[in-house]
N, C-alpha and C. Protein backbone atom coordinates (compact mmCIF):
# COMPACT_ATOMS: atom_id res chain seq x y z
N MET A 1 0.81 -1.06 0.01
CA MET A 1 0.29 0.05 0.42
C MET A 1 0.76 1.35 0.11
N LYS A 2 1.82 1.47 1.02
CA LYS A 2 3.07 2.32 1.01
C LYS A 2 3.36 2.46 -0.32
N SER A 3 3.51 1.65 -1.61
CA SER A 3 4.35 1.78 -2.26
C SER A 3 3.23 2.63 -3.63
N PHE A 4 2.02 1.94 -3.22
CA PHE A 4 1.30 2.38 -4.08
C PHE A 4 0.99 4.30 -3.95
N PHE A 5 1.30 4.74 -2.86
CA PHE A 5 1.16 6.46 -2.40
C PHE A 5 2.13 6.49 -2.95
N TYR A 6 3.95 5.98 -2.71
CA TYR A 6 4.71 6.86 -3.58
C TYR A 6 4.73 6.47 -4.64
N ILE A 7 4.22 5.42 -5.38
CA ILE A 7 4.41 5.98 -6.92
C ILE A 7 3.07 6.86 -7.43
N ILE A 8 2.10 7.08 -6.62
CA ILE A 8 1.07 8.59 -6.68
C ILE A 8 1.52 9.60 -6.92
N THR A 9 2.34 9.65 -5.56
CA THR A 9 3.27 10.70 -5.26
C THR A 9 3.49 11.39 -6.34
N ILE A 10 4.87 10.53 -7.07
CA ILE A 10 5.84 10.09 -7.93
C ILE A 10 5.39 10.78 -9.35
N ILE A 11 4.13 10.65 -9.61
CA ILE A 11 3.46 10.81 -11.24
C ILE A 11 2.95 12.37 -10.75
N ALA A 12 2.34 11.98 -9.79
CA ALA A 12 2.05 14.30 -9.51
C ALA A 12 2.83 14.53 -9.46
N SER A 13 3.99 14.64 -9.08
CA SER A 13 4.90 15.98 -8.84
C SER A 13 5.57 15.85 -10.06
N LEU A 14 5.79 14.55 -10.91
CA LEU A 14 6.56 14.58 -12.62
C LEU A 14 5.47 15.93 -12.99
N THR A 15 3.70 15.34 -12.94
CA THR A 15 3.07 16.15 -14.09
C THR A 15 2.98 17.00 -13.82
N THR A 16 2.91 17.75 -12.38
CA THR A 16 3.30 19.19 -11.91
C THR A 16 4.37 19.56 -12.48
N SER A 17 5.50 19.52 -12.02
CA SER A 17 6.98 19.99 -12.93
C SER A 17 7.00 19.41 -13.96
N CYS A 18 5.94 19.09 -14.63
CA CYS A 18 6.68 19.09 -16.14
C CYS A 18 5.63 19.91 -16.90
N ALA A 19 4.15 20.38 -16.31
CA ALA A 19 3.12 21.37 -17.11
C ALA A 19 3.81 22.44 -17.70
N LYS A 20 3.17 23.15 -18.73
CA LYS A 20 4.00 23.78 -18.84
C LYS A 20 3.00 25.24 -18.20
N LYS A 21 4.39 26.43 -18.11
CA LYS A 21 3.90 27.40 -17.75
C LYS A 21 3.95 29.04 -17.95
N THR A 22 2.14 29.80 -18.19
CA THR A 22 2.27 30.53 -19.04
C THR A 22 3.00 32.27 -18.42
N ASP A 23 4.02 32.29 -19.15
CA ASP A 23 5.03 33.74 -18.86
C ASP A 23 3.35 35.16 -19.55
N SER A 24 3.31 35.55 -18.59
CA SER A 24 2.06 36.00 -18.40
C SER A 24 2.90 37.60 -19.03
N LYS A 25 4.11 37.88 -18.54
CA LYS A 25 4.48 39.14 -19.37
C LYS A 25 4.84 39.01 -20.66
N LYS A 26 4.76 37.63 -21.88
CA LYS A 26 4.42 37.70 -22.91
C LYS A 26 3.48 36.93 -23.15
N ALA A 27 2.66 36.60 -22.75
CA ALA A 27 0.85 36.50 -23.26
C ALA A 27 0.16 37.53 -23.26
N ILE A 28 0.27 38.27 -22.29
CA ILE A 28 -0.60 40.02 -21.59
C ILE A 28 -0.80 40.99 -23.32
N ASP A 29 0.68 41.10 -23.73
CA ASP A 29 0.40 41.76 -24.44
C ASP A 29 -0.83 41.69 -25.70
N SER A 30 -1.50 42.65 -25.88
CA SER A 30 -2.91 42.21 -26.82
C SER A 30 -3.76 43.62 -26.43
N ILE A 31 -5.04 43.67 -27.09
CA ILE A 31 -6.24 44.41 -26.63
C ILE A 31 -6.91 43.87 -26.38
N TRP A 32 -7.24 43.65 -24.94
CA TRP A 32 -8.60 43.27 -24.18
C TRP A 32 -9.47 44.66 -23.52
N VAL A 33 -10.56 43.96 -24.28
CA VAL A 33 -11.45 44.37 -24.02
C VAL A 33 -12.98 43.73 -22.83
N PRO A 34 -13.46 44.52 -21.73
CA PRO A 34 -13.93 44.17 -20.82
C PRO A 34 -15.49 42.91 -21.12
N ARG A 35 -15.90 41.39 -21.33
CA ARG A 35 -16.50 40.71 -21.84
C ARG A 35 -17.83 40.78 -20.39
N SER A 36 -17.52 40.04 -18.79
CA SER A 36 -17.98 40.11 -18.30
C SER A 36 -17.41 39.94 -16.97
N TYR A 37 -18.52 40.07 -16.17
CA TYR A 37 -18.35 40.51 -14.26
C TYR A 37 -19.02 39.35 -14.12
N GLU A 38 -17.75 38.17 -13.06
CA GLU A 38 -18.56 37.49 -11.92
C GLU A 38 -17.46 37.37 -10.70
N SER A 39 -18.07 37.51 -10.20
CA SER A 39 -17.62 36.80 -8.56
C SER A 39 -16.06 37.49 -8.09
N SER A 40 -16.61 38.70 -8.82
CA SER A 40 -15.11 39.85 -8.79
C SER A 40 -14.13 39.67 -9.43
N ILE A 41 -14.48 38.70 -10.18
CA ILE A 41 -13.61 38.85 -11.34
C ILE A 41 -13.87 39.27 -13.04
N THR A 42 -13.17 39.77 -13.58
CA THR A 42 -13.54 40.44 -15.21
C THR A 42 -12.94 39.90 -15.84
N VAL A 43 -13.80 39.52 -16.85
CA VAL A 43 -13.37 38.83 -18.42
C VAL A 43 -12.85 39.46 -19.59
N TYR A 44 -11.37 39.66 -19.71
CA TYR A 44 -11.84 40.51 -21.01
C TYR A 44 -11.06 39.41 -22.35
N SER A 45 -11.74 39.69 -23.08
CA SER A 45 -11.51 39.16 -24.35
C SER A 45 -10.31 39.96 -25.69
N ARG A 46 -9.56 38.96 -26.09
CA ARG A 46 -8.55 39.66 -26.87
C ARG A 46 -9.23 40.09 -27.90
N GLU A 47 -8.92 41.19 -28.45
CA GLU A 47 -9.21 41.88 -30.23
C GLU A 47 -8.04 42.54 -30.99
N ASN A 48 -8.49 42.29 -31.92
CA ASN A 48 -7.84 43.03 -32.48
C ASN A 48 -7.24 44.70 -32.69
N GLN A 49 -8.56 45.10 -32.45
CA GLN A 49 -8.87 46.84 -32.00
C GLN A 49 -9.57 46.84 -30.76
N PHE A 50 -9.56 48.12 -30.80
CA PHE A 50 -10.85 48.49 -29.61
C PHE A 50 -11.98 48.36 -30.15
N GLN A 51 -12.90 48.59 -30.11
CA GLN A 51 -14.44 48.10 -29.96
C GLN A 51 -15.29 49.24 -29.93
N GLU A 52 -15.83 49.70 -30.65
CA GLU A 52 -16.65 50.82 -30.64
C GLU A 52 -17.63 50.63 -29.39
N ASN A 53 -17.32 51.78 -28.92
CA ASN A 53 -18.30 52.58 -27.12
C ASN A 53 -18.79 50.99 -26.22
N GLU A 54 -16.83 50.87 -26.31
CA GLU A 54 -16.75 49.68 -25.24
C GLU A 54 -14.93 50.65 -24.74
N SER A 55 -14.82 50.14 -23.57
CA SER A 55 -13.58 50.42 -23.03
C SER A 55 -12.64 49.17 -23.50
N GLY A 56 -11.33 49.62 -22.71
CA GLY A 56 -10.57 48.09 -23.18
C GLY A 56 -9.42 49.24 -22.45
N PHE A 57 -7.90 48.00 -23.44
CA PHE A 57 -6.72 48.88 -22.99
C PHE A 57 -5.92 47.76 -24.00
N ASN A 58 -4.59 48.27 -24.21
CA ASN A 58 -4.22 48.06 -24.73
C ASN A 58 -2.81 47.58 -24.57
N ILE A 59 -1.98 46.36 -24.34
CA ILE A 59 -0.89 45.99 -23.55
C ILE A 59 0.27 46.08 -24.59
N PHE A 60 1.47 46.92 -24.30
CA PHE A 60 2.55 46.51 -25.29
C PHE A 60 3.71 45.98 -25.04
N LYS A 61 4.53 45.58 -24.98
CA LYS A 61 5.79 44.47 -24.92
C LYS A 61 7.03 45.17 -23.95
N ASN A 62 6.96 46.25 -24.65
CA ASN A 62 7.72 47.46 -23.63
C ASN A 62 7.41 48.41 -22.95
N GLY A 63 6.86 47.58 -21.87
CA GLY A 63 5.80 48.56 -20.99
C GLY A 63 4.79 49.48 -20.69
N THR A 64 4.67 49.86 -22.25
CA THR A 64 3.72 50.87 -22.04
C THR A 64 1.88 49.98 -22.46
N LEU A 65 1.62 50.92 -22.48
CA LEU A 65 0.09 50.99 -22.80
C LEU A 65 -1.04 52.01 -23.06
N LYS A 66 -1.64 51.58 -24.49
CA LYS A 66 -3.20 52.38 -24.00
C LYS A 66 -4.23 52.30 -23.91
N VAL A 67 -4.93 53.16 -22.95
CA VAL A 67 -6.33 52.87 -22.47
C VAL A 67 -7.49 53.71 -23.02
N LYS A 68 -8.54 52.75 -23.56
CA LYS A 68 -10.23 53.71 -23.79
C LYS A 68 -10.72 53.66 -22.90
N GLN A 69 -10.64 54.61 -22.24
CA GLN A 69 -11.87 55.16 -21.51
C GLN A 69 -12.99 56.01 -21.59
N ASN A 70 -13.48 56.59 -20.32
CA ASN A 70 -14.67 57.44 -20.61
C ASN A 70 -13.79 58.85 -20.14
N SER A 71 -14.40 59.42 -20.94
CA SER A 71 -13.70 60.75 -20.47
C SER A 71 -14.01 61.90 -19.72
N ARG A 72 -14.87 61.75 -19.37
CA ARG A 72 -15.98 62.37 -18.12
C ARG A 72 -16.12 61.20 -16.93
N SER A 73 -16.08 61.59 -15.42
CA SER A 73 -16.25 61.10 -14.30
C SER A 73 -17.78 60.53 -14.57
N CYS A 74 -18.19 60.80 -15.36
CA CYS A 74 -19.97 60.59 -15.87
C CYS A 74 -20.47 59.40 -16.35
N GLY A 75 -20.40 58.41 -16.06
CA GLY A 75 -21.19 57.21 -17.15
C GLY A 75 -22.89 57.62 -17.67
N THR A 76 -22.75 58.43 -17.77
CA THR A 76 -24.44 58.70 -18.75
C THR A 76 -24.22 58.74 -19.94
N PRO A 77 -24.70 57.84 -20.19
CA PRO A 77 -24.93 58.87 -22.20
C PRO A 77 -24.74 59.89 -22.52
N PRO A 78 -24.81 59.89 -23.78
CA PRO A 78 -23.41 59.61 -24.57
C PRO A 78 -22.23 60.18 -23.83
N ILE A 79 -21.63 58.71 -23.61
CA ILE A 79 -20.05 58.83 -23.55
C ILE A 79 -19.46 59.18 -24.25
N ASP A 80 -18.56 60.21 -23.92
CA ASP A 80 -17.25 60.58 -24.87
C ASP A 80 -15.67 59.44 -24.41
N TRP A 81 -15.34 59.04 -25.32
CA TRP A 81 -14.37 58.17 -25.13
C TRP A 81 -12.90 58.77 -25.15
N GLU A 82 -11.81 58.65 -24.87
CA GLU A 82 -10.39 59.48 -25.07
C GLU A 82 -9.94 57.84 -25.22
N ILE A 83 -8.41 58.13 -25.56
CA ILE A 83 -7.46 56.96 -25.66
C ILE A 83 -6.42 58.05 -25.16
N VAL A 84 -5.89 57.25 -23.63
CA VAL A 84 -4.65 57.55 -23.12
C VAL A 84 -3.89 56.79 -22.99
N SER A 85 -2.41 57.31 -22.96
CA SER A 85 -0.79 56.51 -22.68
C SER A 85 -0.61 56.94 -21.22
N GLY A 86 -0.47 55.18 -20.76
CA GLY A 86 0.27 54.97 -19.44
C GLY A 86 1.40 53.79 -19.73
N GLU A 87 1.80 53.06 -18.23
CA GLU A 87 2.40 52.30 -18.60
C GLU A 87 2.59 50.98 -16.93
N TRP A 88 2.75 49.84 -17.77
CA TRP A 88 2.40 48.67 -17.12
C TRP A 88 3.13 47.61 -16.36
N GLN A 89 2.84 46.99 -15.37
CA GLN A 89 4.17 46.50 -14.87
C GLN A 89 3.64 45.21 -14.48
N ILE A 90 4.28 43.86 -14.43
CA ILE A 90 3.80 42.36 -13.59
C ILE A 90 4.99 42.35 -12.97
N LYS A 91 4.53 42.01 -11.65
CA LYS A 91 5.11 41.05 -10.45
C LYS A 91 4.95 40.12 -10.60
N ASN A 92 5.87 38.68 -10.18
CA ASN A 92 5.75 37.87 -9.57
C ASN A 92 4.78 37.24 -10.91
N ASP A 93 4.62 37.58 -11.73
CA ASP A 93 3.57 36.73 -12.53
C ASP A 93 2.68 36.72 -12.14
N THR A 94 1.84 37.57 -11.64
CA THR A 94 0.46 37.50 -11.07
C THR A 94 -0.36 38.62 -10.33
N LEU A 95 0.90 39.91 -10.15
CA LEU A 95 -0.18 41.29 -10.14
C LEU A 95 0.79 41.86 -11.62
N LEU A 96 -0.41 42.02 -12.04
CA LEU A 96 -0.92 43.44 -13.22
C LEU A 96 -0.76 44.96 -12.34
N THR A 97 -0.30 46.16 -12.73
CA THR A 97 -0.17 46.86 -11.86
C THR A 97 -0.62 48.06 -13.56
N LEU A 98 -1.57 48.50 -13.94
CA LEU A 98 -2.07 49.40 -14.84
C LEU A 98 -1.51 50.92 -14.41
N LYS A 99 -0.50 51.94 -14.86
CA LYS A 99 -0.40 53.09 -14.26
C LYS A 99 -1.45 54.29 -15.51
N ARG A 100 -1.96 55.38 -15.41
CA ARG A 100 -2.10 55.74 -16.48
C ARG A 100 -2.81 57.51 -15.76
N PRO A 101 -2.84 58.34 -16.48
CA PRO A 101 -3.92 59.20 -16.19
C PRO A 101 -5.20 58.96 -16.24
N ILE A 102 -6.52 59.56 -15.22
CA ILE A 102 -7.83 59.73 -15.76
C ILE A 102 -8.72 60.82 -14.62
N TRP A 103 -9.34 61.33 -15.91
CA TRP A 103 -9.88 62.50 -15.09
C TRP A 103 -8.77 63.69 -14.72
N SER A 104 -9.35 64.10 -13.24
CA SER A 104 -8.26 64.80 -12.90
C SER A 104 -7.07 64.36 -12.04
N ASN A 105 -6.80 62.71 -11.85
CA ASN A 105 -5.75 62.27 -10.95
C ASN A 105 -4.84 61.94 -12.49
N LYS A 106 -3.88 62.07 -12.17
CA LYS A 106 -2.52 62.50 -13.71
C LYS A 106 -1.71 61.17 -13.30
N ASN A 107 -1.62 60.33 -12.42
CA ASN A 107 -1.19 59.39 -11.82
C ASN A 107 -1.88 58.22 -11.07
N TYR A 108 -2.94 57.65 -11.86
CA TYR A 108 -4.15 57.12 -11.16
C TYR A 108 -2.95 55.75 -12.04
N SER A 109 -3.13 54.65 -10.96
CA SER A 109 -3.14 53.15 -10.45
C SER A 109 -4.05 52.37 -10.18
N GLN A 110 -3.86 51.38 -10.54
CA GLN A 110 -4.85 50.11 -10.43
C GLN A 110 -3.85 48.63 -10.82
N ASN A 111 -4.27 48.01 -9.59
CA ASN A 111 -3.38 46.63 -9.48
C ASN A 111 -4.81 45.35 -9.60
N TYR A 112 -4.25 44.66 -10.66
CA TYR A 112 -5.00 43.88 -10.46
C TYR A 112 -4.23 42.05 -10.12
N ILE A 113 -4.70 40.99 -9.97
CA ILE A 113 -4.46 39.63 -9.91
C ILE A 113 -4.83 39.16 -10.96
N ILE A 114 -3.86 38.65 -11.50
CA ILE A 114 -3.94 37.92 -13.17
C ILE A 114 -4.58 36.32 -12.82
N VAL A 115 -5.85 36.40 -12.70
CA VAL A 115 -6.56 35.15 -12.56
C VAL A 115 -5.76 33.61 -13.24
N LYS A 116 -5.53 34.16 -14.13
CA LYS A 116 -5.77 33.38 -15.66
C LYS A 116 -5.71 34.25 -17.29
N ILE A 117 -4.65 33.97 -17.66
CA ILE A 117 -4.99 33.93 -18.90
C ILE A 117 -4.76 32.64 -20.28
N THR A 118 -5.50 32.49 -20.90
CA THR A 118 -5.71 31.47 -22.13
C THR A 118 -5.35 32.41 -23.13
N GLU A 119 -5.49 31.59 -23.92
CA GLU A 119 -5.69 32.36 -25.61
C GLU A 119 -5.94 33.21 -26.03
N ASP A 120 -6.86 33.82 -25.92
CA ASP A 120 -8.34 34.36 -25.88
C ASP A 120 -8.54 35.35 -24.67
N SER A 121 -8.80 34.90 -23.49
CA SER A 121 -8.94 35.55 -22.74
C SER A 121 -8.10 35.85 -21.57
N LEU A 122 -8.38 36.98 -20.63
CA LEU A 122 -7.53 37.68 -19.69
C LEU A 122 -8.84 37.61 -18.61
N PHE A 123 -8.27 37.04 -17.21
CA PHE A 123 -9.42 37.05 -16.04
C PHE A 123 -8.43 37.59 -14.95
N LEU A 124 -8.95 39.06 -14.71
CA LEU A 124 -8.32 39.82 -13.38
C LEU A 124 -9.45 40.00 -12.40
N LYS A 125 -8.95 40.35 -11.60
CA LYS A 125 -9.24 40.23 -10.37
C LYS A 125 -8.80 41.81 -9.29
N GLU A 126 -9.30 42.59 -9.25
CA GLU A 126 -8.67 43.98 -8.32
C GLU A 126 -8.05 43.39 -7.39
N SER A 127 -7.19 44.18 -7.12
CA SER A 127 -6.55 44.17 -5.81
C SER A 127 -6.37 45.89 -5.24
N TYR A 128 -6.80 45.36 -3.76
CA TYR A 128 -6.84 46.72 -3.44
C TYR A 128 -6.04 46.74 -2.50
C-alpha cells in the first residue's frame, strides 16, 4: 500500500513539474476588452482593435499601454471616449499594475491579480 502512494506521489510531482507554465509578460501583450464580470473577476477578450462604444486597454511588450476610457467621470450616455497613454508592469507573474491619467488624477494606478490567461481571455481580479 505504501508503494502505491509512493508511485502516485511521484507521478503527481512529475505531472505538475512538467506542466507548461504561461509567462504572463509574453501572453498579456494585446488589446483587451471587458466581456463579463462575475464573483469579483472581470473577463476580458483579446481583440484586434478597440471596439466601438467599449472601454479596453492595449498592452505593449515595452511596458507602455493605451487605455480607452470614459473622458468624463459621469457614465451617463452619451459617453465621450478618449485614449490615454500609460505604463504597466507585472510582479511575480501574478500582479498586474496599470498606471495612467484618468480625469483629474494624472497618476492613477490600478492593481489586478491575474487569475488566468488563455489564448483568447484574460481573467483579472482587482486588488486593493
